[in-house]
PDB file of N, CA and C in Angstrom:
ATOM      1  N   MET A   1     172.393  86.096 160.902  1.00  0.00           N
ATOM      2  CA  MET A   1     171.734  84.838 160.622  1.00  0.00           C
ATOM      3  C   MET A   1     172.095  83.798 161.686  1.00  0.00           C
ATOM      4  N   TYR A   2     173.364  83.785 162.048  1.00  0.00           N
ATOM      5  CA  TYR A   2     173.818  82.832 163.048  1.00  0.00           C
ATOM      6  C   TYR A   2     173.153  83.101 164.401  1.00  0.00           C
ATOM      7  N   GLY A   3     172.974  84.336 164.734  1.00  0.00           N
ATOM      8  CA  GLY A   3     172.342  84.706 165.999  1.00  0.00           C
ATOM      9  C   GLY A   3     170.892  84.271 166.065  1.00  0.00           C
ATOM     10  N   ILE A   4     170.190  84.322 164.957  1.00  0.00           N
ATOM     11  CA  ILE A   4     168.790  83.892 164.922  1.00  0.00           C
ATOM     12  C   ILE A   4     168.691  82.388 165.143  1.00  0.00           C
ATOM     13  N   LEU A   5     169.581  81.612 164.518  1.00  0.00           N
ATOM     14  CA  LEU A   5     169.574  80.159 164.702  1.00  0.00           C
ATOM     15  C   LEU A   5     169.913  79.774 166.137  1.00  0.00           C
ATOM     16  N   VAL A   6     170.894  80.440 166.718  1.00  0.00           N
ATOM     17  CA  VAL A   6     171.252  80.155 168.109  1.00  0.00           C
ATOM     18  C   VAL A   6     170.102  80.519 169.039  1.00  0.00           C
ATOM     19  N   SER A   7     169.455  81.633 168.785  1.00  0.00           N
ATOM     20  CA  SER A   7     168.321  82.042 169.599  1.00  0.00           C
ATOM     21  C   SER A   7     167.166  81.043 169.488  1.00  0.00           C
ATOM     22  N   ALA A   8     166.875  80.572 168.277  1.00  0.00           N
ATOM     23  CA  ALA A   8     165.808  79.581 168.090  1.00  0.00           C
ATOM     24  C   ALA A   8     166.166  78.270 168.771  1.00  0.00           C
ATOM     25  N   PHE A   9     167.440  77.871 168.678  1.00  0.00           N
ATOM     26  CA  PHE A   9     167.878  76.632 169.335  1.00  0.00           C
ATOM     27  C   PHE A   9     167.771  76.753 170.853  1.00  0.00           C
ATOM     28  N   ASN A  10     168.186  77.880 171.391  1.00  0.00           N
ATOM     29  CA  ASN A  10     168.077  78.094 172.839  1.00  0.00           C
ATOM     30  C   ASN A  10     166.628  78.116 173.292  1.00  0.00           C
ATOM     31  N   TYR A  11     165.760  78.725 172.505  1.00  0.00           N
ATOM     32  CA  TYR A  11     164.338  78.751 172.848  1.00  0.00           C
ATOM     33  C   TYR A  11     163.756  77.336 172.839  1.00  0.00           C
ATOM     34  N   ALA A  12     164.078  76.547 171.813  1.00  0.00           N
ATOM     35  CA  ALA A  12     163.573  75.180 171.726  1.00  0.00           C
ATOM     36  C   ALA A  12     164.118  74.328 172.861  1.00  0.00           C
ATOM     37  N   LEU A  13     165.386  74.479 173.168  1.00  0.00           N
ATOM     38  CA  LEU A  13     165.988  73.717 174.257  1.00  0.00           C
ATOM     39  C   LEU A  13     165.392  74.122 175.604  1.00  0.00           C
ATOM     40  N   GLY A  14     165.169  75.391 175.790  1.00  0.00           N
ATOM     41  CA  GLY A  14     164.527  75.854 177.020  1.00  0.00           C
ATOM     42  C   GLY A  14     163.112  75.337 177.152  1.00  0.00           C
ATOM     43  N   TRP A  15     162.385  75.292 176.052  1.00  0.00           N
ATOM     44  CA  TRP A  15     161.018  74.768 176.079  1.00  0.00           C
ATOM     45  C   TRP A  15     161.016  73.290 176.424  1.00  0.00           C
ATOM     46  N   ILE A  16     161.963  72.554 175.854  1.00  0.00           N
ATOM     47  CA  ILE A  16     162.027  71.119 176.130  1.00  0.00           C
ATOM     48  C   ILE A  16     162.272  70.878 177.614  1.00  0.00           C
ATOM     49  N   PHE A  17     163.219  71.577 178.201  1.00  0.00           N
ATOM     50  CA  PHE A  17     163.511  71.354 179.613  1.00  0.00           C
ATOM     51  C   PHE A  17     162.464  71.953 180.533  1.00  0.00           C
ATOM     52  N   ARG A  18     161.834  73.020 180.115  1.00  0.00           N
ATOM     53  CA  ARG A  18     160.845  73.675 180.959  1.00  0.00           C
ATOM     54  C   ARG A  18     159.513  72.931 180.932  1.00  0.00           C
ATOM     55  N   VAL A  19     159.130  72.399 179.803  1.00  0.00           N
ATOM     56  CA  VAL A  19     157.807  71.806 179.664  1.00  0.00           C
ATOM     57  C   VAL A  19     157.869  70.285 179.617  1.00  0.00           C
ATOM     58  N   LEU A  20     158.571  69.747 178.664  1.00  0.00           N
ATOM     59  CA  LEU A  20     158.525  68.305 178.435  1.00  0.00           C
ATOM     60  C   LEU A  20     159.150  67.492 179.553  1.00  0.00           C
ATOM     61  N   VAL A  21     160.314  67.879 180.011  1.00  0.00           N
ATOM     62  CA  VAL A  21     160.991  67.089 181.034  1.00  0.00           C
ATOM     63  C   VAL A  21     160.214  67.133 182.345  1.00  0.00           C
ATOM     64  N   ILE A  22     159.716  68.283 182.715  1.00  0.00           N
ATOM     65  CA  ILE A  22     158.950  68.395 183.962  1.00  0.00           C
ATOM     66  C   ILE A  22     157.670  67.574 183.881  1.00  0.00           C
ATOM     67  N   LYS A  23     156.965  67.665 182.753  1.00  0.00           N
ATOM     68  CA  LYS A  23     155.737  66.874 182.612  1.00  0.00           C
ATOM     69  C   LYS A  23     156.046  65.380 182.609  1.00  0.00           C
ATOM     70  N   ALA A  24     157.106  64.978 181.953  1.00  0.00           N
ATOM     71  CA  ALA A  24     157.469  63.561 181.929  1.00  0.00           C
ATOM     72  C   ALA A  24     157.799  63.063 183.331  1.00  0.00           C
ATOM     73  N   MET A  25     158.486  63.880 184.109  1.00  0.00           N
ATOM     74  CA  MET A  25     158.812  63.474 185.476  1.00  0.00           C
ATOM     75  C   MET A  25     157.557  63.385 186.344  1.00  0.00           C
ATOM     76  N   VAL A  26     156.661  64.352 186.227  1.00  0.00           N
ATOM     77  CA  VAL A  26     155.443  64.345 187.037  1.00  0.00           C
ATOM     78  C   VAL A  26     154.563  63.160 186.672  1.00  0.00           C
ATOM     79  N   PHE A  27     154.335  62.936 185.385  1.00  0.00           N
ATOM     80  CA  PHE A  27     153.468  61.835 184.988  1.00  0.00           C
ATOM     81  C   PHE A  27     154.130  60.487 185.215  1.00  0.00           C
ATOM     82  N   GLY A  28     155.443  60.414 185.110  1.00  0.00           N
ATOM     83  CA  GLY A  28     156.149  59.180 185.451  1.00  0.00           C
ATOM     84  C   GLY A  28     156.001  58.851 186.926  1.00  0.00           C
ATOM     85  N   LEU A  29     156.107  59.852 187.769  1.00  0.00           N
ATOM     86  CA  LEU A  29     155.918  59.644 189.199  1.00  0.00           C
ATOM     87  C   LEU A  29     154.481  59.225 189.510  1.00  0.00           C
ATOM     88  N   LEU A  30     153.513  59.862 188.876  1.00  0.00           N
ATOM     89  CA  LEU A  30     152.112  59.480 189.099  1.00  0.00           C
ATOM     90  C   LEU A  30     151.837  58.070 188.597  1.00  0.00           C
ATOM     91  N   PHE A  31     152.423  57.684 187.464  1.00  0.00           N
ATOM     92  CA  PHE A  31     152.264  56.322 186.966  1.00  0.00           C
ATOM     93  C   PHE A  31     152.869  55.324 187.928  1.00  0.00           C
ATOM     94  N   TYR A  32     154.053  55.623 188.469  1.00  0.00           N
ATOM     95  CA  TYR A  32     154.702  54.718 189.409  1.00  0.00           C
ATOM     96  C   TYR A  32     153.864  54.556 190.667  1.00  0.00           C
ATOM     97  N   ILE A  33     153.342  55.654 191.192  1.00  0.00           N
ATOM     98  CA  ILE A  33     152.539  55.590 192.412  1.00  0.00           C
ATOM     99  C   ILE A  33     151.272  54.779 192.189  1.00  0.00           C
ATOM    100  N   THR A  34     150.564  55.028 191.090  1.00  0.00           N
ATOM    101  CA  THR A  34     149.316  54.298 190.849  1.00  0.00           C
ATOM    102  C   THR A  34     149.564  52.834 190.533  1.00  0.00           C
ATOM    103  N   SER A  35     150.639  52.517 189.803  1.00  0.00           N
ATOM    104  CA  SER A  35     150.902  51.106 189.490  1.00  0.00           C
ATOM    105  C   SER A  35     151.307  50.344 190.746  1.00  0.00           C
ATOM    106  N   GLU A  36     152.089  50.957 191.627  1.00  0.00           N
ATOM    107  CA  GLU A  36     152.452  50.295 192.874  1.00  0.00           C
ATOM    108  C   GLU A  36     151.241  50.149 193.783  1.00  0.00           C
ATOM    109  N   PHE A  37     150.375  51.145 193.792  1.00  0.00           N
ATOM    110  CA  PHE A  37     149.164  51.062 194.610  1.00  0.00           C
ATOM    111  C   PHE A  37     148.260  49.947 194.125  1.00  0.00           C
ATOM    112  N   MET A  38     148.098  49.831 192.802  1.00  0.00           N
ATOM    113  CA  MET A  38     147.239  48.771 192.267  1.00  0.00           C
ATOM    114  C   MET A  38     147.853  47.397 192.513  1.00  0.00           C
ATOM    115  N   GLY A  39     149.178  47.279 192.421  1.00  0.00           N
ATOM    116  CA  GLY A  39     149.827  46.010 192.737  1.00  0.00           C
ATOM    117  C   GLY A  39     149.612  45.619 194.192  1.00  0.00           C
ATOM    118  N   TYR A  40     149.715  46.583 195.082  1.00  0.00           N
ATOM    119  CA  TYR A  40     149.465  46.325 196.498  1.00  0.00           C
ATOM    120  C   TYR A  40     148.014  45.934 196.733  1.00  0.00           C
ATOM    121  N   LEU A  41     147.096  46.650 196.078  1.00  0.00           N
ATOM    122  CA  LEU A  41     145.676  46.382 196.246  1.00  0.00           C
ATOM    123  C   LEU A  41     145.297  45.013 195.692  1.00  0.00           C
ATOM    124  N   MET A  42     145.833  44.649 194.534  1.00  0.00           N
ATOM    125  CA  MET A  42     145.543  43.331 193.965  1.00  0.00           C
ATOM    126  C   MET A  42     146.126  42.212 194.821  1.00  0.00           C
ATOM    127  N   GLY A  43     147.257  42.465 195.441  1.00  0.00           N
ATOM    128  CA  GLY A  43     147.833  41.477 196.357  1.00  0.00           C
ATOM    129  C   GLY A  43     146.957  41.240 197.571  1.00  0.00           C
ATOM    130  N   LYS A  44     146.340  42.289 198.063  1.00  0.00           N
ATOM    131  CA  LYS A  44     145.454  42.153 199.218  1.00  0.00           C
ATOM    132  C   LYS A  44     144.126  41.498 198.848  1.00  0.00           C
ATOM    133  N   LEU A  45     143.645  41.741 197.635  1.00  0.00           N
ATOM    134  CA  LEU A  45     142.335  41.226 197.230  1.00  0.00           C
ATOM    135  C   LEU A  45     142.393  39.869 196.553  1.00  0.00           C
ATOM    136  N   SER A  46     143.576  39.380 196.192  1.00  0.00           N
ATOM    137  CA  SER A  46     143.653  38.184 195.361  1.00  0.00           C
ATOM    138  C   SER A  46     143.172  36.931 196.080  1.00  0.00           C
ATOM    139  N   GLY A  47     143.419  36.788 197.349  1.00  0.00           N
ATOM    140  CA  GLY A  47     143.046  35.555 198.033  1.00  0.00           C
ATOM    141  C   GLY A  47     141.684  35.585 198.686  1.00  0.00           C
ATOM    142  N   SER A  48     140.980  36.678 198.650  1.00  0.00           N
ATOM    143  CA  SER A  48     139.757  36.804 199.431  1.00  0.00           C
ATOM    144  C   SER A  48     138.545  36.124 198.800  1.00  0.00           C
ATOM    145  N   ALA A  49     138.339  36.276 197.518  1.00  0.00           N
ATOM    146  CA  ALA A  49     137.098  35.785 196.910  1.00  0.00           C
ATOM    147  C   ALA A  49     137.341  34.703 195.862  1.00  0.00           C
ATOM    148  N   ILE A  50     138.515  34.108 195.834  1.00  0.00           N
ATOM    149  CA  ILE A  50     138.822  33.118 194.803  1.00  0.00           C
ATOM    150  C   ILE A  50     137.998  31.854 194.969  1.00  0.00           C
ATOM    151  N   GLY A  51     137.802  31.394 196.185  1.00  0.00           N
ATOM    152  CA  GLY A  51     137.049  30.159 196.409  1.00  0.00           C
ATOM    153  C   GLY A  51     135.603  30.266 195.948  1.00  0.00           C
ATOM    154  N   GLY A  52     134.945  31.375 196.250  1.00  0.00           N
ATOM    155  CA  GLY A  52     133.561  31.567 195.833  1.00  0.00           C
ATOM    156  C   GLY A  52     133.423  31.686 194.328  1.00  0.00           C
ATOM    157  N   MET A  53     134.377  32.328 193.684  1.00  0.00           N
ATOM    158  CA  MET A  53     134.329  32.473 192.233  1.00  0.00           C
ATOM    159  C   MET A  53     134.580  31.132 191.547  1.00  0.00           C
ATOM    160  N   GLN A  54     135.471  30.332 192.096  1.00  0.00           N
ATOM    161  CA  GLN A  54     135.754  29.025 191.492  1.00  0.00           C
ATOM    162  C   GLN A  54     134.531  28.122 191.570  1.00  0.00           C
ATOM    163  N   GLY A  55     133.805  28.184 192.679  1.00  0.00           N
ATOM    164  CA  GLY A  55     132.577  27.400 192.810  1.00  0.00           C
ATOM    165  C   GLY A  55     131.513  27.851 191.819  1.00  0.00           C
ATOM    166  N   ALA A  56     131.422  29.146 191.567  1.00  0.00           N
ATOM    167  CA  ALA A  56     130.442  29.659 190.610  1.00  0.00           C
ATOM    168  C   ALA A  56     130.817  29.274 189.184  1.00  0.00           C
ATOM    169  N   VAL A  57     132.100  29.269 188.863  1.00  0.00           N
ATOM    170  CA  VAL A  57     132.528  28.901 187.514  1.00  0.00           C
ATOM    171  C   VAL A  57     132.354  27.408 187.289  1.00  0.00           C
ATOM    172  N   ASP A  58     132.559  26.592 188.311  1.00  0.00           N
ATOM    173  CA  ASP A  58     132.386  25.143 188.167  1.00  0.00           C
ATOM    174  C   ASP A  58     130.946  24.762 187.873  1.00  0.00           C
ATOM    175  N   GLY A  59     129.999  25.582 188.284  1.00  0.00           N
ATOM    176  CA  GLY A  59     128.593  25.291 188.050  1.00  0.00           C
ATOM    177  C   GLY A  59     128.095  25.673 186.668  1.00  0.00           C
ATOM    178  N   LEU A  60     128.923  26.296 185.835  1.00  0.00           N
ATOM    179  CA  LEU A  60     128.498  26.701 184.494  1.00  0.00           C
ATOM    180  C   LEU A  60     128.501  25.515 183.541  1.00  0.00           C
ATOM    181  N   PRO A  61     127.589  25.504 182.562  1.00  0.00           N
ATOM    182  CA  PRO A  61     127.576  24.419 181.576  1.00  0.00           C
ATOM    183  C   PRO A  61     128.820  24.463 180.676  1.00  0.00           C
ATOM    184  N   GLY A  62     129.068  23.366 180.003  1.00  0.00           N
ATOM    185  CA  GLY A  62     130.248  23.233 179.154  1.00  0.00           C
ATOM    186  C   GLY A  62     130.279  24.215 178.003  1.00  0.00           C
ATOM    187  N   GLY A  63     129.138  24.500 177.396  1.00  0.00           N
ATOM    188  CA  GLY A  63     129.099  25.449 176.287  1.00  0.00           C
ATOM    189  C   GLY A  63     129.496  26.851 176.708  1.00  0.00           C
ATOM    190  N   VAL A  64     129.058  27.252 177.880  1.00  0.00           N
ATOM    191  CA  VAL A  64     129.403  28.585 178.388  1.00  0.00           C
ATOM    192  C   VAL A  64     130.900  28.643 178.700  1.00  0.00           C
ATOM    193  N   LEU A  65     131.430  27.583 179.295  1.00  0.00           N
ATOM    194  CA  LEU A  65     132.869  27.542 179.583  1.00  0.00           C
ATOM    195  C   LEU A  65     133.684  27.585 178.298  1.00  0.00           C
ATOM    196  N   TRP A  66     133.198  26.900 177.245  1.00  0.00           N
ATOM    197  CA  TRP A  66     133.908  26.942 175.966  1.00  0.00           C
ATOM    198  C   TRP A  66     133.906  28.366 175.395  1.00  0.00           C
ATOM    199  N   ALA A  67     132.737  29.040 175.454  1.00  0.00           N
ATOM    200  CA  ALA A  67     132.650  30.406 174.938  1.00  0.00           C
ATOM    201  C   ALA A  67     133.542  31.354 175.737  1.00  0.00           C
ATOM    202  N   LEU A  68     133.592  31.178 177.047  1.00  0.00           N
ATOM    203  CA  LEU A  68     134.475  32.010 177.861  1.00  0.00           C
ATOM    204  C   LEU A  68     135.944  31.752 177.535  1.00  0.00           C
ATOM    205  N   GLY A  69     136.266  30.504 177.213  1.00  0.00           N
ATOM    206  CA  GLY A  69     137.632  30.177 176.818  1.00  0.00           C
ATOM    207  C   GLY A  69     137.996  30.790 175.480  1.00  0.00           C
ATOM    208  N   VAL A  70     137.063  30.775 174.532  1.00  0.00           N
ATOM    209  CA  VAL A  70     137.314  31.363 173.217  1.00  0.00           C
ATOM    210  C   VAL A  70     137.486  32.875 173.331  1.00  0.00           C
ATOM    211  N   MET A  71     136.696  33.509 174.191  1.00  0.00           N
ATOM    212  CA  MET A  71     136.789  34.957 174.360  1.00  0.00           C
ATOM    213  C   MET A  71     137.931  35.372 175.285  1.00  0.00           C
ATOM    214  N   ARG A  72     138.692  34.409 175.798  1.00  0.00           N
ATOM    215  CA  ARG A  72     139.817  34.662 176.709  1.00  0.00           C
ATOM    216  C   ARG A  72     139.369  35.453 177.932  1.00  0.00           C
ATOM    217  N   ALA A  73     138.287  34.999 178.550  1.00  0.00           N
ATOM    218  CA  ALA A  73     137.770  35.668 179.738  1.00  0.00           C
ATOM    219  C   ALA A  73     138.751  35.557 180.899  1.00  0.00           C
ATOM    220  N   ASP A  74     139.609  34.532 180.896  1.00  0.00           N
ATOM    221  CA  ASP A  74     140.597  34.393 181.964  1.00  0.00           C
ATOM    222  C   ASP A  74     141.610  35.536 181.947  1.00  0.00           C
ATOM    223  N   PHE A  75     141.790  36.158 180.811  1.00  0.00           N
ATOM    224  CA  PHE A  75     142.676  37.314 180.685  1.00  0.00           C
ATOM    225  C   PHE A  75     141.896  38.621 180.711  1.00  0.00           C
ATOM    226  N   GLY A  76     140.725  38.643 180.084  1.00  0.00           N
ATOM    227  CA  GLY A  76     139.967  39.881 179.908  1.00  0.00           C
ATOM    228  C   GLY A  76     139.297  40.400 181.160  1.00  0.00           C
ATOM    229  N   ILE A  77     138.714  39.517 181.950  1.00  0.00           N
ATOM    230  CA  ILE A  77     137.993  39.976 183.148  1.00  0.00           C
ATOM    231  C   ILE A  77     138.940  40.616 184.163  1.00  0.00           C
ATOM    232  N   PRO A  78     140.087  39.993 184.514  1.00  0.00           N
ATOM    233  CA  PRO A  78     141.008  40.706 185.421  1.00  0.00           C
ATOM    234  C   PRO A  78     141.549  42.000 184.826  1.00  0.00           C
ATOM    235  N   LEU A  79     141.731  42.024 183.499  1.00  0.00           N
ATOM    236  CA  LEU A  79     142.224  43.239 182.853  1.00  0.00           C
ATOM    237  C   LEU A  79     141.220  44.373 182.974  1.00  0.00           C
ATOM    238  N   VAL A  80     139.951  44.090 182.749  1.00  0.00           N
ATOM    239  CA  VAL A  80     138.909  45.106 182.853  1.00  0.00           C
ATOM    240  C   VAL A  80     138.757  45.574 184.305  1.00  0.00           C
ATOM    241  N   LEU A  81     138.799  44.637 185.245  1.00  0.00           N
ATOM    242  CA  LEU A  81     138.683  45.023 186.648  1.00  0.00           C
ATOM    243  C   LEU A  81     139.868  45.863 187.109  1.00  0.00           C
ATOM    244  N   ALA A  82     141.076  45.510 186.678  1.00  0.00           N
ATOM    245  CA  ALA A  82     142.253  46.288 187.059  1.00  0.00           C
ATOM    246  C   ALA A  82     142.219  47.679 186.442  1.00  0.00           C
ATOM    247  N   SER A  83     141.788  47.779 185.196  1.00  0.00           N
ATOM    248  CA  SER A  83     141.729  49.100 184.562  1.00  0.00           C
ATOM    249  C   SER A  83     140.640  49.966 185.196  1.00  0.00           C
ATOM    250  N   ALA A  84     139.531  49.367 185.586  1.00  0.00           N
ATOM    251  CA  ALA A  84     138.489  50.142 186.264  1.00  0.00           C
ATOM    252  C   ALA A  84     138.981  50.624 187.629  1.00  0.00           C
ATOM    253  N   GLY A  85     139.685  49.767 188.337  1.00  0.00           N
ATOM    254  CA  GLY A  85     140.248  50.179 189.630  1.00  0.00           C
ATOM    255  C   GLY A  85     141.294  51.255 189.481  1.00  0.00           C
ATOM    256  N   LEU A  86     142.124  51.153 188.456  1.00  0.00           N
ATOM    257  CA  LEU A  86     143.145  52.168 188.218  1.00  0.00           C
ATOM    258  C   LEU A  86     142.515  53.506 187.824  1.00  0.00           C
ATOM    259  N   ALA A  87     141.497  53.460 186.986  1.00  0.00           N
ATOM    260  CA  ALA A  87     140.807  54.703 186.612  1.00  0.00           C
ATOM    261  C   ALA A  87     140.146  55.341 187.830  1.00  0.00           C
ATOM    262  N   PHE A  88     139.585  54.517 188.702  1.00  0.00           N
ATOM    263  CA  PHE A  88     138.978  55.037 189.923  1.00  0.00           C
ATOM    264  C   PHE A  88     140.025  55.698 190.808  1.00  0.00           C
ATOM    265  N   SER A  89     141.179  55.051 190.957  1.00  0.00           N
ATOM    266  CA  SER A  89     142.212  55.616 191.826  1.00  0.00           C
ATOM    267  C   SER A  89     142.854  56.859 191.209  1.00  0.00           C
ATOM    268  N   ILE A  90     142.976  56.919 189.882  1.00  0.00           N
ATOM    269  CA  ILE A  90     143.546  58.105 189.245  1.00  0.00           C
ATOM    270  C   ILE A  90     142.628  59.304 189.436  1.00  0.00           C
ATOM    271  N   ARG A  91     141.325  59.083 189.419  1.00  0.00           N
ATOM    272  CA  ARG A  91     140.403  60.200 189.625  1.00  0.00           C
ATOM    273  C   ARG A  91     140.485  60.758 191.029  1.00  0.00           C
ATOM    274  N   ARG A  92     141.018  59.992 191.960  1.00  0.00           N
ATOM    275  CA  ARG A  92     141.118  60.442 193.347  1.00  0.00           C
ATOM    276  C   ARG A  92     142.401  61.222 193.615  1.00  0.00           C
ATOM    277  N   ILE A  93     143.323  61.267 192.679  1.00  0.00           N
ATOM    278  CA  ILE A  93     144.563  62.023 192.850  1.00  0.00           C
ATOM    279  C   ILE A  93     144.241  63.502 192.676  1.00  0.00           C
ATOM    280  N   PRO A  94     144.579  64.337 193.639  1.00  0.00           N
ATOM    281  CA  PRO A  94     144.187  65.747 193.566  1.00  0.00           C
ATOM    282  C   PRO A  94     144.800  66.502 192.389  1.00  0.00           C
ATOM    283  N   VAL A  95     145.979  66.135 191.959  1.00  0.00           N
ATOM    284  CA  VAL A  95     146.632  66.856 190.869  1.00  0.00           C
ATOM    285  C   VAL A  95     145.910  66.635 189.548  1.00  0.00           C
ATOM    286  N   ILE A  96     145.403  65.411 189.336  1.00  0.00           N
ATOM    287  CA  ILE A  96     144.778  65.067 188.062  1.00  0.00           C
ATOM    288  C   ILE A  96     143.282  65.245 188.114  1.00  0.00           C
ATOM    289  N   GLY A  97     142.632  64.672 189.120  1.00  0.00           N
ATOM    290  CA  GLY A  97     141.201  64.543 189.186  1.00  0.00           C
ATOM    291  C   GLY A  97     140.441  65.804 189.276  1.00  0.00           C
TER     292      GLY A  97
END
C-alpha cells in the first residue's frame, strides 16, 4: 500500500515539474516579451498623434463630451487599442500563432 502511494506521489510530482512548471515558464516569458514590446511601442506612438486628436475632441459638442465622460472613454479607448495591438503582436509569435 505504501509503495502505491509513493508511486502516485512521484508520478504527480513528475507531472507537475514536467508539464506545469515548463508551461508556466514559457508563457511567463512570452507575457514578459509582449508586455515589454507593447510598452516600447506605446512609448514611441504616444507623442505622434496627440495634437490632432485633441483638436478633434475639442470640436465635439458638450453632450457628446458628457456621454464620453460617463462611458469612461478616456480609459476605454486606450485599453481597447492596447489590447488589439497586443493580440496582433501575439499572433505574430511563431510559437503561439
